[in-house]
C-alpha cells in the first residue's frame, strides 16, 4: 500500500519512474563533466547547463561542453633524496607509465604511483607506502619552439622520505619460520626442524620439508618481496593441505623475520550426495547417489588420494513384444581413484623447474558399468 501511494498502481509503475528536476544536481553533473575533462588534460574545458520548462511541468536539461585543447606531457622528472631509491627507479625508467608526448591523464598518474609502490615493495622496502609518492605538475610551460602549439606540462615524480626523519631502507630476510600446525592444540611443545635454512615448527612433522621448501619463495638473505609473499600464499593454498596459510613479518629485536602459519586440513574427509535422475527421451525418474573419500598427505609428500563412486538407477520404457509396456531399469555405476602429486613426477631435476607455477601430476584409474535391458557395458580408464 505504501508503494502504491508513492509510486502509483501497477499500471502507473510500467516504464521508468519520473525524476523530479533538481537544480543542484544538474549543476553538480555539469561540474563532474568538467572535472573529468580536466583530469584527462583538458584544463581549459567548460561545462554548463541550460533548462527549458514547458507547460506540462517538464524540464529539458541540456549540457553544453567545450573541451578545449588537450595538454600533453613534455618532460618527466624524478626527484628523491634517497640515493638507493633513486638508483632503483632510474634502472626501471623504461617501465614508466607516463612518457613524454603522452596526453596528460590523472588516472595514468595513479597507475604510475601503484607501479612505483609495487617496485619498491618487491625490492626490499617493507615499510614503504603509496602516500610517500606525489606528483608535481608544472603547467606554466612556454615552449621555445614557436611551431609547438599544444599546451604542455612537465611532470615531476617525487618520492618523499618519512616525516620522522628516517630514510627508506630495504629489508633483508634474516630468518624464515614455518609453523605447520598453526591453530591446533596439543599436549606437547612444537619441535623445530631446519631444512635449507628454513625452520619448520610442528608437534609432529607430517609434511615433507623438501616439497614445502619448493612452495616457499621467501628465502633467508634475500630482499623482502611483496610479490613473493603473495605467490607463496598461492602455492601453499593450491596444495589442498591447509585451511589457510598466512605470512607475517616481524621487525623487532633488530631482525627481520618471516613467519608463516598454516592450519592443516583433516587427513580424512568424505562426502555423500543423493538425488534423482531422469532421461527426457522415454525415461522415468530414479535415485542417484555419489560418495567421495579423500586422504591427504598419503605418503608424507603432500599427495592427495581421492576415491569417488557414483551409482544410479532410472526407468526406461519397455520395447518388443515380450516386455510390452513394462518399465524396465537401467543401472549406472562408476568408481574412479585419483592420486595427485604436488609436483612434476620426472626422474631428473626438470621436475623442479616449474615449481613456481604450482604444477601437479595426476594418476587416475577408473571403472564404469552400464546395464540396460538391451546391453551391458564395462569400461576401464586410466590417465597420467
Protein backbone atom coordinates (compact mmCIF):
# COMPACT_ATOMS: atom_id res chain seq x y z
CA UNK A 1 0.00 0.00 0.00
CA UNK A 2 2.85 2.36 0.79
CA UNK A 3 4.42 1.70 -2.60
CA UNK A 4 1.09 2.30 -4.33
CA UNK A 5 0.76 5.63 -2.52
CA UNK A 6 4.24 6.81 -3.51
CA UNK A 7 4.67 5.21 -6.98
CA UNK A 8 1.11 4.59 -8.15
CA UNK A 9 -0.69 1.39 -9.11
CA UNK A 10 0.79 -1.42 -11.24
CA UNK A 11 -0.19 0.28 -14.50
CA UNK A 12 1.44 3.53 -13.42
CA UNK A 13 4.66 1.73 -12.48
CA UNK A 14 5.26 0.47 -16.04
CA UNK A 15 8.32 2.15 -17.55
CA UNK A 16 10.82 4.48 -15.88
CA UNK A 17 9.93 6.34 -12.70
CA UNK A 18 9.54 10.10 -13.12
CA UNK A 19 12.53 12.08 -11.90
CA UNK A 20 11.97 15.40 -10.17
CA UNK A 21 14.17 18.20 -11.52
CA UNK A 22 16.80 19.32 -9.03
CA UNK A 23 18.83 22.39 -9.98
CA UNK A 24 21.62 21.48 -7.52
CA UNK A 25 22.03 18.01 -9.06
CA UNK A 26 22.04 19.49 -12.55
CA UNK A 27 24.82 21.89 -11.56
CA UNK A 28 26.75 19.03 -9.90
CA UNK A 29 26.50 16.95 -13.08
CA UNK A 30 28.00 19.81 -15.11
CA UNK A 31 30.80 20.18 -12.56
CA UNK A 32 31.55 16.45 -12.72
CA UNK A 33 31.80 16.61 -16.51
CA UNK A 34 34.26 19.49 -16.22
CA UNK A 35 36.31 17.74 -13.53
CA UNK A 36 36.53 14.61 -15.66
CA UNK A 37 37.76 16.55 -18.70
CA UNK A 38 40.40 18.35 -16.62
CA UNK A 39 41.62 15.02 -15.25
CA UNK A 40 42.20 13.98 -18.87
CA UNK A 41 44.28 17.08 -19.67
CA UNK A 42 41.60 19.45 -20.93
CA UNK A 43 42.48 22.15 -18.41
CA UNK A 44 40.51 24.93 -20.15
CA UNK A 45 37.32 22.93 -20.55
CA UNK A 46 33.95 24.30 -19.52
CA UNK A 47 30.64 22.58 -18.92
CA UNK A 48 27.38 24.47 -18.35
CA UNK A 49 23.75 23.51 -18.48
CA UNK A 50 20.53 25.14 -19.59
CA UNK A 51 16.97 24.32 -18.57
CA UNK A 52 13.77 24.69 -20.52
CA UNK A 53 10.39 24.29 -18.83
CA UNK A 54 7.20 23.55 -20.74
CA UNK A 55 3.56 23.93 -19.86
CA UNK A 56 3.31 20.28 -18.74
CA UNK A 57 5.75 21.00 -15.90
CA UNK A 58 8.50 19.06 -17.61
CA UNK A 59 12.14 20.18 -17.66
CA UNK A 60 14.56 19.59 -20.51
CA UNK A 61 18.18 19.87 -19.35
CA UNK A 62 20.88 20.43 -21.95
CA UNK A 63 24.58 20.22 -21.11
CA UNK A 64 26.96 22.30 -23.22
CA UNK A 65 30.56 21.11 -23.10
CA UNK A 66 33.59 22.86 -24.57
CA UNK A 67 36.62 20.66 -24.02
CA UNK A 68 39.27 22.98 -25.45
CA UNK A 69 42.76 21.79 -26.30
CA UNK A 70 44.31 18.84 -24.57
CA UNK A 71 47.55 19.28 -22.63
CA UNK A 72 50.49 16.99 -23.34
CA UNK A 73 53.49 15.90 -21.28
CA UNK A 74 56.79 17.50 -22.30
CA UNK A 75 59.27 16.10 -19.75
CA UNK A 76 59.08 13.59 -16.90
CA UNK A 77 61.45 14.14 -13.99
CA UNK A 78 62.27 12.06 -10.93
CA UNK A 79 63.03 13.62 -7.56
CA UNK A 80 64.05 11.91 -4.33
CA UNK A 81 66.62 12.46 -1.59
CA UNK A 82 67.20 8.72 -1.19
CA UNK A 83 70.14 7.58 -3.36
CA UNK A 84 69.18 3.88 -3.22
CA UNK A 85 65.58 4.59 -4.22
CA UNK A 86 66.80 6.90 -6.99
CA UNK A 87 69.07 4.19 -8.40
CA UNK A 88 66.26 1.61 -8.37
CA UNK A 89 63.79 3.93 -10.08
CA UNK A 90 66.35 5.05 -12.67
CA UNK A 91 67.08 1.41 -13.52
CA UNK A 92 63.38 0.94 -14.30
CA UNK A 93 62.70 4.18 -16.17
CA UNK A 94 61.81 2.18 -19.29
CA UNK A 95 58.75 0.83 -17.43
CA UNK A 96 57.30 4.25 -16.58
CA UNK A 97 53.64 4.60 -17.49
CA UNK A 98 53.89 8.38 -18.05
CA UNK A 99 56.06 9.20 -21.05
CA UNK A 100 56.90 12.46 -22.88
CA UNK A 101 54.42 13.07 -25.65
CA UNK A 102 51.52 11.40 -23.84
CA UNK A 103 48.34 13.29 -23.18
CA UNK A 104 48.02 14.32 -19.56
CA UNK A 105 45.88 11.82 -17.64
CA UNK A 106 45.40 11.91 -13.86
CA UNK A 107 44.35 8.24 -13.85
CA UNK A 108 47.66 7.38 -15.51
CA UNK A 109 49.50 9.13 -12.71
CA UNK A 110 47.62 6.97 -10.23
CA UNK A 111 48.72 3.84 -12.10
CA UNK A 112 52.31 5.12 -12.06
CA UNK A 113 52.07 5.58 -8.29
CA UNK A 114 50.93 1.95 -7.95
CA UNK A 115 53.80 0.79 -10.17
CA UNK A 116 56.43 2.57 -8.09
CA UNK A 117 54.86 1.33 -4.87
CA UNK A 118 54.96 -2.28 -6.11
CA UNK A 119 58.50 -1.91 -7.47
CA UNK A 120 59.85 -0.74 -4.13
CA UNK A 121 57.92 -3.34 -2.12
CA UNK A 122 59.25 -6.10 -4.37
CA UNK A 123 62.81 -4.89 -3.78
CA UNK A 124 63.00 -4.87 -0.01
CA UNK A 125 61.15 -1.71 1.03
CA UNK A 126 58.79 -3.35 3.51
CA UNK A 127 57.60 -0.15 5.22
CA UNK A 128 57.03 1.82 2.04
CA UNK A 129 53.57 3.21 1.29
CA UNK A 130 51.85 4.91 -1.65
CA UNK A 131 51.40 8.06 0.40
CA UNK A 132 55.10 8.88 0.00
CA UNK A 133 54.65 9.31 -3.77
CA UNK A 134 53.40 12.67 -5.05
CA UNK A 135 53.37 14.38 -8.45
CA UNK A 136 54.21 17.99 -9.21
CA UNK A 137 52.68 19.23 -12.48
CA UNK A 138 54.06 22.44 -13.99
CA UNK A 139 51.60 23.88 -16.48
CA UNK A 140 53.38 27.22 -16.98
CA UNK A 141 55.42 25.95 -19.90
CA UNK A 142 56.39 28.36 -22.65
CA UNK A 143 57.99 26.24 -25.35
CA UNK A 144 60.90 27.94 -27.14
CA UNK A 145 59.88 26.27 -30.38
CA UNK A 146 57.25 28.55 -31.90
CA UNK A 147 55.95 25.66 -34.01
CA UNK A 148 54.71 23.88 -30.87
CA UNK A 149 51.11 24.94 -30.47
CA UNK A 150 49.93 22.38 -27.95
CA UNK A 151 49.67 23.18 -24.24
CA UNK A 152 52.46 21.37 -22.38
CA UNK A 153 53.24 20.33 -18.82
CA UNK A 154 56.27 18.96 -17.03
CA UNK A 155 55.58 16.13 -14.57
CA UNK A 156 57.88 15.54 -11.62
CA UNK A 157 57.54 12.30 -9.67
CA UNK A 158 58.51 12.96 -6.04
CA UNK A 159 59.32 10.13 -3.62
CA UNK A 160 59.31 11.68 -0.16
CA UNK A 161 61.10 10.46 2.93
CA UNK A 162 59.18 9.64 6.16
CA UNK A 163 58.24 12.64 8.30
CA UNK A 164 60.07 11.26 11.35
CA UNK A 165 63.43 11.98 9.72
CA UNK A 166 64.32 8.37 8.93
CA UNK A 167 65.11 7.17 5.43
CA UNK A 168 63.52 4.43 3.39
CA UNK A 169 65.71 1.34 3.57
CA UNK A 170 65.46 -2.13 2.09
CA UNK A 171 64.97 -5.11 4.39
CA UNK A 172 66.65 -8.47 4.01
CA UNK A 173 65.00 -11.55 5.48
CA UNK A 174 67.12 -12.84 8.36
CA UNK A 175 65.16 -15.98 9.23
CA UNK A 176 62.08 -17.85 7.97
CA UNK A 177 59.80 -19.83 10.29
CA UNK A 178 57.05 -22.13 9.02
CA UNK A 179 54.52 -23.42 11.57
CA UNK A 180 52.88 -26.48 10.03
CA UNK A 181 50.07 -26.93 12.59
CA UNK A 182 49.02 -23.39 13.48
CA UNK A 183 45.67 -23.12 15.26
CA UNK A 184 45.84 -26.64 16.69
CA UNK A 185 46.13 -27.72 20.32
CA UNK A 186 48.26 -30.47 21.78
CA UNK A 187 49.97 -31.57 24.98
CA UNK A 188 53.49 -31.45 23.56
CA UNK A 189 55.58 -28.47 22.52
CA UNK A 190 56.47 -27.83 18.90
CA UNK A 191 59.72 -29.25 17.64
CA UNK A 192 61.89 -27.40 15.10
CA UNK A 193 63.45 -28.96 12.03
CA UNK A 194 65.74 -26.92 9.79
CA UNK A 195 65.82 -27.66 6.08
CA UNK A 196 67.75 -25.43 3.65
CA UNK A 197 67.80 -22.54 6.17
CA UNK A 198 64.03 -22.62 6.78
CA UNK A 199 62.84 -23.54 10.27
CA UNK A 200 59.79 -25.86 10.31
CA UNK A 201 57.84 -25.98 13.57
CA UNK A 202 55.29 -28.70 14.44
CA UNK A 203 54.31 -31.03 17.24
CA UNK A 204 54.55 -33.87 14.75
CA UNK A 205 56.19 -33.25 11.39
CA UNK A 206 53.83 -34.88 8.92
CA UNK A 207 54.73 -32.99 5.76
CA UNK A 208 57.83 -33.30 3.60
CA UNK A 209 60.10 -30.30 4.15
CA UNK A 210 61.58 -30.90 0.69
CA UNK A 211 58.20 -30.42 -1.00
CA UNK A 212 57.23 -27.47 1.21
CA UNK A 213 60.56 -25.84 0.52
CA UNK A 214 59.73 -25.75 -3.19
CA UNK A 215 56.50 -23.85 -2.40
CA UNK A 216 58.11 -21.24 -0.14
CA UNK A 217 59.66 -18.48 -2.23
CA UNK A 218 60.80 -16.41 0.77
CA UNK A 219 64.46 -17.09 1.46
CA UNK A 220 66.82 -16.02 4.27
CA UNK A 221 69.32 -13.45 2.99
CA UNK A 222 67.03 -12.30 0.17
CA UNK A 223 65.35 -8.92 -0.05
CA UNK A 224 61.76 -8.68 1.07
CA UNK A 225 59.33 -9.04 -1.82
CA UNK A 226 55.62 -8.46 -1.61
CA UNK A 227 55.07 -10.46 -4.81
CA UNK A 228 56.95 -13.47 -3.46
CA UNK A 229 54.82 -13.33 -0.33
CA UNK A 230 51.65 -13.39 -2.43
CA UNK A 231 52.99 -16.19 -4.63
CA UNK A 232 53.97 -18.24 -1.57
CA UNK A 233 50.44 -17.98 -0.18
CA UNK A 234 49.03 -19.00 -3.56
CA UNK A 235 51.35 -22.03 -3.83
CA UNK A 236 50.59 -23.22 -0.30
CA UNK A 237 46.86 -22.72 -0.84
CA UNK A 238 46.90 -24.81 -4.02
CA UNK A 239 48.19 -27.88 -2.16
CA UNK A 240 44.76 -28.73 -0.66
CA UNK A 241 46.57 -29.36 2.63
CA UNK A 242 45.86 -26.24 4.67
CA UNK A 243 42.76 -24.27 5.65
CA UNK A 244 44.81 -21.11 5.46
CA UNK A 245 48.42 -20.02 5.05
CA UNK A 246 49.23 -16.58 6.46
CA UNK A 247 52.52 -14.69 6.38
CA UNK A 248 53.63 -12.11 8.94
CA UNK A 249 56.85 -10.13 9.15
CA UNK A 250 58.48 -9.19 12.44
CA UNK A 251 60.97 -6.33 12.71
CA UNK A 252 61.50 -6.45 16.47
CA UNK A 253 64.83 -7.26 18.07
CA UNK A 254 66.85 -5.88 15.18
CA UNK A 255 65.96 -8.84 12.95
CA UNK A 256 63.61 -9.10 10.00
CA UNK A 257 61.78 -12.39 10.41
CA UNK A 258 59.25 -14.02 8.09
CA UNK A 259 56.71 -16.15 9.96
CA UNK A 260 54.40 -18.45 8.04
CA UNK A 261 51.42 -20.05 9.76
CA UNK A 262 49.49 -22.89 8.11
CA UNK A 263 46.47 -24.65 9.60
CA UNK A 264 46.22 -28.23 8.25
CA UNK A 265 43.03 -29.70 6.85
CA UNK A 266 41.83 -33.07 8.21
CA UNK A 267 43.73 -36.03 6.83
CA UNK A 268 40.50 -37.91 6.02
CA UNK A 269 37.35 -36.34 4.60
CA UNK A 270 34.33 -37.75 2.86
CA UNK A 271 31.07 -36.52 1.38
CA UNK A 272 27.83 -38.18 0.35
CA UNK A 273 25.33 -36.80 -2.13
CA UNK A 274 21.97 -38.07 -3.21
CA UNK A 275 19.35 -37.08 -5.73
CA UNK A 276 17.36 -38.17 -8.69
CA UNK A 277 17.98 -38.52 -12.39
CA UNK A 278 15.81 -38.86 -15.45
CA UNK A 279 16.41 -39.13 -19.20
CA UNK A 280 13.98 -36.98 -21.14
CA UNK A 281 13.59 -39.43 -24.01
CA UNK A 282 11.45 -42.34 -22.74
CA UNK A 283 12.91 -42.07 -19.24
CA UNK A 284 11.42 -42.32 -15.76
CA UNK A 285 12.89 -40.86 -12.57
CA UNK A 286 15.25 -42.92 -10.45
CA UNK A 287 17.56 -42.47 -7.46
CA UNK A 288 21.12 -41.28 -7.83
CA UNK A 289 23.94 -41.19 -5.28
CA UNK A 290 27.63 -40.46 -5.02
CA UNK A 291 30.28 -40.60 -2.37
CA UNK A 292 33.75 -39.10 -2.24
CA UNK A 293 36.56 -40.18 0.06
CA UNK A 294 39.82 -38.21 0.31
CA UNK A 295 43.13 -38.91 2.06
CA UNK A 296 45.63 -36.05 2.30
CA UNK A 297 49.38 -36.45 2.63
CA UNK A 298 49.23 -40.14 1.80
CA UNK A 299 52.96 -40.84 1.71
CA UNK A 300 54.14 -37.74 3.59
CA UNK A 301 54.93 -35.84 0.38
CA UNK A 302 51.68 -33.81 0.31
CA UNK A 303 49.98 -36.26 -2.06
CA UNK A 304 46.18 -36.43 -2.24
CA UNK A 305 44.34 -39.70 -2.83
CA UNK A 306 40.70 -39.46 -3.84
CA UNK A 307 38.16 -42.22 -4.39
CA UNK A 308 34.82 -41.32 -5.93
CA UNK A 309 31.94 -43.68 -6.50
CA UNK A 310 28.65 -42.91 -8.23
CA UNK A 311 25.62 -45.04 -8.89
CA UNK A 312 22.11 -44.57 -10.17
CA UNK A 313 19.02 -46.35 -11.38
CA UNK A 314 16.44 -44.97 -13.76
CA UNK A 315 13.45 -46.39 -15.52
CA UNK A 316 13.22 -46.93 -19.27
CA UNK A 317 10.20 -47.83 -21.31
CA UNK A 318 9.92 -51.45 -22.39
CA UNK A 319 10.10 -52.43 -26.03
CA UNK A 320 9.44 -55.51 -28.04
CA UNK A 321 6.57 -57.97 -27.90
CA UNK A 322 7.75 -59.82 -24.82
CA UNK A 323 8.03 -56.94 -22.40
CA UNK A 324 5.15 -54.91 -23.76
CA UNK A 325 4.63 -51.64 -21.91
CA UNK A 326 6.52 -52.62 -18.78
CA UNK A 327 9.00 -50.23 -17.20
CA UNK A 328 12.48 -51.67 -17.08
CA UNK A 329 15.50 -50.42 -15.16
CA UNK A 330 18.86 -49.07 -16.26
CA UNK A 331 21.80 -49.08 -13.86
CA UNK A 332 24.94 -46.98 -13.92
CA UNK A 333 27.94 -47.44 -11.65
CA UNK A 334 31.37 -45.84 -11.71
CA UNK A 335 34.39 -45.93 -9.43
CA UNK A 336 37.34 -43.58 -10.01
CA UNK A 337 40.51 -43.29 -7.93
CA UNK A 338 42.95 -40.40 -8.30
CA UNK A 339 46.40 -39.84 -6.83
CA UNK A 340 47.73 -36.28 -7.16
CA UNK A 341 51.35 -35.26 -6.57
CA UNK A 342 52.15 -31.56 -5.93
CA UNK A 343 54.99 -31.56 -8.47
CA UNK A 344 56.06 -32.98 -11.80
CA UNK A 345 56.96 -36.64 -11.38
CA UNK A 346 60.01 -36.92 -13.60
CA UNK A 347 63.34 -38.65 -12.89
CA UNK A 348 65.59 -35.57 -13.16
CA UNK A 349 65.95 -32.00 -11.90
CA UNK A 350 63.48 -30.99 -14.61
CA UNK A 351 60.67 -31.65 -12.13
CA UNK A 352 61.71 -28.61 -10.03
CA UNK A 353 61.83 -26.07 -12.87
CA UNK A 354 58.13 -25.21 -12.81
CA UNK A 355 57.53 -25.23 -9.03
CA UNK A 356 56.65 -21.53 -9.12
CA UNK A 357 53.62 -22.36 -11.31
CA UNK A 358 52.22 -24.99 -8.92
CA UNK A 359 52.38 -28.00 -11.28
CA UNK A 360 50.67 -31.28 -10.46
CA UNK A 361 50.95 -34.86 -11.60
CA UNK A 362 47.67 -36.75 -11.54
CA UNK A 363 47.38 -40.52 -11.91
CA UNK A 364 43.82 -41.75 -12.40
CA UNK A 365 42.26 -45.16 -12.90
CA UNK A 366 38.57 -45.93 -13.08
CA UNK A 367 35.87 -48.44 -13.82
CA UNK A 368 32.33 -47.85 -15.07
CA UNK A 369 29.40 -50.11 -15.72
CA UNK A 370 26.17 -49.51 -17.59
CA UNK A 371 23.41 -52.11 -17.53
CA UNK A 372 20.35 -51.70 -19.75
CA UNK A 373 17.71 -54.16 -20.88
CA UNK A 374 19.31 -54.38 -24.33
CA UNK A 375 23.03 -54.41 -23.44
CA UNK A 376 25.67 -54.29 -20.74
CA UNK A 377 28.85 -52.25 -20.98
CA UNK A 378 32.03 -52.43 -18.90
CA UNK A 379 34.66 -49.72 -19.18
CA UNK A 380 38.13 -49.17 -17.75
CA UNK A 381 40.03 -45.91 -17.89
CA UNK A 382 43.50 -44.73 -16.97
CA UNK A 383 45.28 -41.43 -17.35
CA UNK A 384 48.50 -39.66 -16.37
